[in-house]
Each structure stands twice: as structure tokens, then as C-alpha cells.
C-alpha atoms as a PDB file:
ATOM      1  CA  MET A   1      95.147 123.551  96.151  1.00  0.00           C
ATOM      2  CA  MET A   2      93.932 120.684  93.558  1.00  0.00           C
ATOM      3  CA  MET A   3      97.364 120.190  92.278  1.00  0.00           C
ATOM      4  CA  THR A   4      98.553 119.370  95.866  1.00  0.00           C
ATOM      5  CA  LEU A   5      96.013 117.264  96.401  1.00  0.00           C
ATOM      6  CA  ARG A   6      96.724 115.205  93.232  1.00  0.00           C
ATOM      7  CA  GLN A   7     100.562 115.134  93.886  1.00  0.00           C
ATOM      8  CA  LEU A   8      99.924 114.208  97.438  1.00  0.00           C
ATOM      9  CA  HIS A   9      97.488 111.340  95.991  1.00  0.00           C
ATOM     10  CA  SER A  10     100.232 110.238  93.728  1.00  0.00           C
ATOM     11  CA  TYR A  11     103.007 109.977  96.175  1.00  0.00           C
ATOM     12  CA  ILE A  12     100.429 108.174  98.410  1.00  0.00           C
ATOM     13  CA  GLY A  13      99.782 105.202  95.858  1.00  0.00           C
ATOM     14  CA  ALA A  14     103.214 104.688  94.723  1.00  0.00           C
ATOM     15  CA  PHE A  15     104.402 104.030  98.437  1.00  0.00           C
ATOM     16  CA  ILE A  16     101.317 101.744  98.856  1.00  0.00           C
ATOM     17  CA  ALA A  17     100.865 100.357  95.599  1.00  0.00           C
ATOM     18  CA  PRO A  18     103.304  97.284  95.865  1.00  0.00           C
ATOM     19  CA  SER A  19     101.094  96.221  99.397  1.00  0.00           C
ATOM     20  CA  VAL A  20      97.529  96.683  97.282  1.00  0.00           C
ATOM     21  CA  LEU A  21      98.746  94.367  94.385  1.00  0.00           C
ATOM     22  CA  PHE A  22      99.948  91.785  97.276  1.00  0.00           C
ATOM     23  CA  PHE A  23      96.741  91.742  98.939  1.00  0.00           C
ATOM     24  CA  ALA A  24      94.664  91.774  95.613  1.00  0.00           C
ATOM     25  CA  VAL A  25      96.666  88.788  94.221  1.00  0.00           C
ATOM     26  CA  THR A  26      97.344  86.845  97.159  1.00  0.00           C
ATOM     27  CA  GLY A  27      93.778  87.351  98.700  1.00  0.00           C
ATOM     28  CA  ALA A  28      92.441  86.321  95.126  1.00  0.00           C
ATOM     29  CA  LEU A  29      94.388  83.181  95.642  1.00  0.00           C
ATOM     30  CA  GLN A  30      92.541  82.634  99.032  1.00  0.00           C
ATOM     31  CA  LEU A  31      88.993  82.926  97.990  1.00  0.00           C
ATOM     32  CA  PHE A  32      89.086  79.778  96.102  1.00  0.00           C
ATOM     33  CA  SER A  33      91.366  78.022  99.194  1.00  0.00           C
ATOM     34  CA  LEU A  34      94.293  77.889  96.519  1.00  0.00           C
ATOM     35  CA  HIS A  35      96.477  78.469  99.437  1.00  0.00           C
ATOM     36  CA  GLU A  36      95.464  75.287 101.502  1.00  0.00           C
ATOM     37  CA  ALA A  37      95.869  71.587 100.654  1.00  0.00           C
ATOM     38  CA  HIS A  38      92.588  69.648 100.304  1.00  0.00           C
ATOM     39  CA  GLY A  39      92.073  66.456  98.453  1.00  0.00           C
ATOM     40  CA  ALA A  40      94.902  65.595  95.814  1.00  0.00           C
ATOM     41  CA  TYR A  41      95.395  69.024  95.674  1.00  0.00           C
ATOM     42  CA  ARG A  42      98.972  70.576  97.362  1.00  0.00           C
ATOM     43  CA  PRO A  43      99.570  74.530  97.174  1.00  0.00           C
ATOM     44  CA  PRO A  44     103.159  75.352  95.883  1.00  0.00           C
ATOM     45  CA  GLU A  45     104.915  76.350  98.843  1.00  0.00           C
ATOM     46  CA  LEU A  46     105.181  79.621  97.633  1.00  0.00           C
ATOM     47  CA  VAL A  47     101.575  80.296  97.675  1.00  0.00           C
ATOM     48  CA  GLU A  48     101.590  78.687 101.040  1.00  0.00           C
ATOM     49  CA  ARG A  49     104.189  81.109 102.615  1.00  0.00           C
ATOM     50  CA  LEU A  50     102.696  84.293 100.704  1.00  0.00           C
ATOM     51  CA  SER A  51      99.473  83.188 102.219  1.00  0.00           C
ATOM     52  CA  ARG A  52     100.973  83.409 105.526  1.00  0.00           C
ATOM     53  CA  ILE A  53     102.225  86.837 104.804  1.00  0.00           C
ATOM     54  CA  HIS A  54      98.705  88.065 103.964  1.00  0.00           C
ATOM     55  CA  LYS A  55      96.866  86.455 106.755  1.00  0.00           C
ATOM     56  CA  ASP A  56      99.444  86.086 110.028  1.00  0.00           C
ATOM     57  CA  GLN A  57     102.463  88.667 108.840  1.00  0.00           C
ATOM     58  CA  VAL A  58     104.893  85.507 108.742  1.00  0.00           C
ATOM     59  CA  PHE A  59     106.776  83.882 105.576  1.00  0.00           C
ATOM     60  CA  SER A  60     107.307  80.712 107.499  1.00  0.00           C
ATOM     61  CA  LEU A  61     105.407  77.728 106.999  1.00  0.00           C
ATOM     62  CA  PRO A  62     103.766  76.226 110.611  1.00  0.00           C
ATOM     63  CA  PRO A  63     106.273  73.810 112.130  1.00  0.00           C
ATOM     64  CA  ALA A  64     103.503  70.850 111.409  1.00  0.00           C
ATOM     65  CA  ARG A  65     103.813  71.548 108.114  1.00  0.00           C
ATOM     66  CA  GLY A  66     107.392  72.135 107.534  1.00  0.00           C
ATOM     67  CA  ALA A  67     109.890  69.591 105.809  1.00  0.00           C
ATOM     68  CA  GLN A  68     109.902  66.373 107.063  1.00  0.00           C
ATOM     69  CA  ALA A  69     112.557  63.576 106.993  1.00  0.00           C
ATOM     70  CA  GLY A  70     112.582  62.260 103.707  1.00  0.00           C
ATOM     71  CA  GLY A  71     111.736  65.347 101.904  1.00  0.00           C
ATOM     72  CA  HIS A  72     108.062  65.090 101.847  1.00  0.00           C
ATOM     73  CA  ARG A  73     105.959  67.617 103.535  1.00  0.00           C
ATOM     74  CA  ASP A  74     103.228  66.779 105.792  1.00  0.00           C
ATOM     75  CA  HIS A  75     100.175  68.536 105.320  1.00  0.00           C
ATOM     76  CA  GLY A  76      98.607  67.312 108.846  1.00  0.00           C
ATOM     77  CA  PRO A  77      95.636  64.898 109.685  1.00  0.00           C
ATOM     78  CA  ARG A  78      93.126  64.634 106.711  1.00  0.00           C
ATOM     79  CA  ALA A  79      89.841  63.881 107.537  1.00  0.00           C
ATOM     80  CA  GLU A  80      89.066  60.437 105.986  1.00  0.00           C
ATOM     81  CA  THR A  81      85.277  60.399 105.114  1.00  0.00           C
ATOM     82  CA  PRO A  82      83.392  58.053 102.544  1.00  0.00           C
ATOM     83  CA  HIS A  83      81.204  61.376 101.370  1.00  0.00           C
ATOM     84  CA  ALA A  84      82.828  64.746  99.403  1.00  0.00           C
ATOM     85  CA  ALA A  85      82.232  67.903 101.544  1.00  0.00           C
ATOM     86  CA  PRO A  86      79.047  69.592 100.670  1.00  0.00           C
ATOM     87  CA  ALA A  87      79.103  72.152  97.618  1.00  0.00           C
ATOM     88  CA  PRO A  88      78.726  75.615  99.173  1.00  0.00           C
ATOM     89  CA  ALA A  89      75.442  77.325  98.585  1.00  0.00           C
ATOM     90  CA  TRP A  90      75.537  79.092  95.084  1.00  0.00           C
ATOM     91  CA  SER A  91      75.231  82.589  96.501  1.00  0.00           C
ATOM     92  CA  VAL A  92      78.801  81.731  98.300  1.00  0.00           C
ATOM     93  CA  THR A  93      80.291  80.538  95.097  1.00  0.00           C
ATOM     94  CA  ALA A  94      79.008  83.884  93.156  1.00  0.00           C
ATOM     95  CA  LEU A  95      80.366  85.826  96.101  1.00  0.00           C
ATOM     96  CA  LYS A  96      83.804  84.529  95.750  1.00  0.00           C
ATOM     97  CA  TRP A  97      83.657  85.084  91.752  1.00  0.00           C
ATOM     98  CA  LEU A  98      82.585  88.714  92.170  1.00  0.00           C
ATOM     99  CA  PHE A  99      85.491  89.178  94.930  1.00  0.00           C
ATOM    100  CA  LEU A 100      87.693  87.448  92.289  1.00  0.00           C
ATOM    101  CA  VAL A 101      86.777  90.549  89.557  1.00  0.00           C
ATOM    102  CA  VAL A 102      87.101  92.962  92.549  1.00  0.00           C
ATOM    103  CA  ALA A 103      90.798  91.735  92.807  1.00  0.00           C
ATOM    104  CA  ALA A 104      91.368  92.104  89.475  1.00  0.00           C
ATOM    105  CA  GLY A 105      89.901  95.514  88.895  1.00  0.00           C
ATOM    106  CA  LEU A 106      91.987  96.281  91.780  1.00  0.00           C
ATOM    107  CA  THR A 107      95.135  95.053  90.388  1.00  0.00           C
ATOM    108  CA  LEU A 108      94.319  96.898  87.138  1.00  0.00           C
ATOM    109  CA  SER A 109      93.481 100.229  88.510  1.00  0.00           C
ATOM    110  CA  THR A 110      96.310  99.781  90.801  1.00  0.00           C
ATOM    111  CA  LEU A 111      98.564  99.267  87.833  1.00  0.00           C
ATOM    112  CA  LEU A 112      96.876 101.979  85.594  1.00  0.00           C
ATOM    113  CA  GLY A 113      97.344 104.371  88.550  1.00  0.00           C
ATOM    114  CA  LEU A 114     101.078 103.920  88.849  1.00  0.00           C
ATOM    115  CA  TRP A 115     101.022 104.328  85.014  1.00  0.00           C
ATOM    116  CA  MET A 116      98.905 107.524  85.358  1.00  0.00           C
ATOM    117  CA  GLY A 117     101.266 108.936  88.059  1.00  0.00           C
ATOM    118  CA  PHE A 118     104.429 108.606  86.113  1.00  0.00           C
ATOM    119  CA  THR A 119     103.587 109.842  82.905  1.00  0.00           C
ATOM    120  CA  THR A 120     101.869 112.813  84.512  1.00  0.00           C
ATOM    121  CA  SER A 121     104.309 113.554  87.267  1.00  0.00           C
ATOM    122  CA  ARG A 122     107.094 116.138  87.039  1.00  0.00           C
ATOM    123  CA  ARG A 123     109.008 114.511  90.247  1.00  0.00           C
ATOM    124  CA  ARG A 124     109.250 110.948  88.709  1.00  0.00           C
ATOM    125  CA  GLY A 125     112.166 110.456  90.783  1.00  0.00           C
ATOM    126  CA  VAL A 126     110.229 110.952  94.175  1.00  0.00           C
ATOM    127  CA  LEU A 127     107.406 108.263  92.775  1.00  0.00           C
ATOM    128  CA  LEU A 128     109.913 105.672  91.834  1.00  0.00           C
ATOM    129  CA  ALA A 129     111.572 106.268  95.123  1.00  0.00           C
ATOM    130  CA  LEU A 130     108.382 105.982  97.022  1.00  0.00           C
ATOM    131  CA  LEU A 131     107.421 102.682  95.195  1.00  0.00           C
ATOM    132  CA  VAL A 132     111.129 100.914  95.722  1.00  0.00           C
ATOM    133  CA  LEU A 133     110.390 102.111  99.528  1.00  0.00           C
ATOM    134  CA  GLY A 134     106.824 100.642  99.212  1.00  0.00           C
ATOM    135  CA  ALA A 135     108.042  97.449  97.867  1.00  0.00           C
ATOM    136  CA  ALA A 136     111.232  97.071  99.969  1.00  0.00           C
ATOM    137  CA  LEU A 137     110.225  98.133 103.482  1.00  0.00           C
ATOM    138  CA  PRO A 138     107.772  94.982 103.853  1.00  0.00           C
ATOM    139  CA  VAL A 139     110.130  92.496 102.337  1.00  0.00           C
ATOM    140  CA  VAL A 140     113.101  93.768 104.814  1.00  0.00           C
ATOM    141  CA  LEU A 141     110.346  93.551 108.052  1.00  0.00           C
ATOM    142  CA  VAL A 142     109.646  89.874 106.735  1.00  0.00           C
ATOM    143  CA  VAL A 143     113.232  89.056 106.522  1.00  0.00           C
ATOM    144  CA  LEU A 144     114.000  90.694 109.983  1.00  0.00           C
ATOM    145  CA  GLN A 145     111.626  87.926 111.563  1.00  0.00           C
END
């Protein structure tokens, strides 16, 4: 019974690992708003698009943020204020850093789990097929939008 549960755990883990890794990494980027333009900062377009998949399940950028004539992107209206936004409370910043550590731990734990699954399983082909399917299926669904 325990061997069956371990094998089932390995199969499920191999299938969901690509999504877990995706959400851990993109969520970590969003903790500090690295997916949004603010001040002089402009995120790479890929980061914006991956964030859209994480948050809205679409790869395209919103129409207002798409490419404009002249090759530059419009990042929407900016509030012109003479004062900078107030700093968040220390507890908010501490929580963001804690969640960043959690995202890193989740990433490392998932990678270790994959390694353990592949080194201990007799059915590595099944694990590899599930891992590839778990990575390919979301990509196919995003492309079909």
C-alpha cells in the first residue's frame, strides 16, 4: 500500500511540477511588483506576459499596454505627484520577504522531489512523460487562446 502511494505521489508530482515551478517563480516576481511599471522601472515584456498568465491565464498584454506606433510601449497614464508613495509598513515588507523565501523553498523542494522521483523510480519513462505533459499542456492551452 505504501509503495503504491509513493508511486502515485511521484506521478502526480511529476505532472504538476512545471506549474508549481512556474507559479513559485512568477509569484516571487509579483511580490515586489516587478511585473508592473512604476517610476522609471519598466519590466521586461516577458515578465509582464508571464505575470498575465499567472494572474489572468492569458499571454497577451492588455490592449492599452501593447506596442504603439514608433516602437515604444505605452505604460498607461502616470499620476504626477510631487511626493513619493508612502513606504509600506515594515510588516508588509517582512511578509513579502517571507513569501519570497517560501517561493524559493517551494522551487527547491519541487526540484529535489523531481530528482528523488527520477532516481528512485523504476518507471522513469512514465515520470518523464508526465513531466513533459505537465509542461506542454499549459503551453498548448495558452497558445490556443
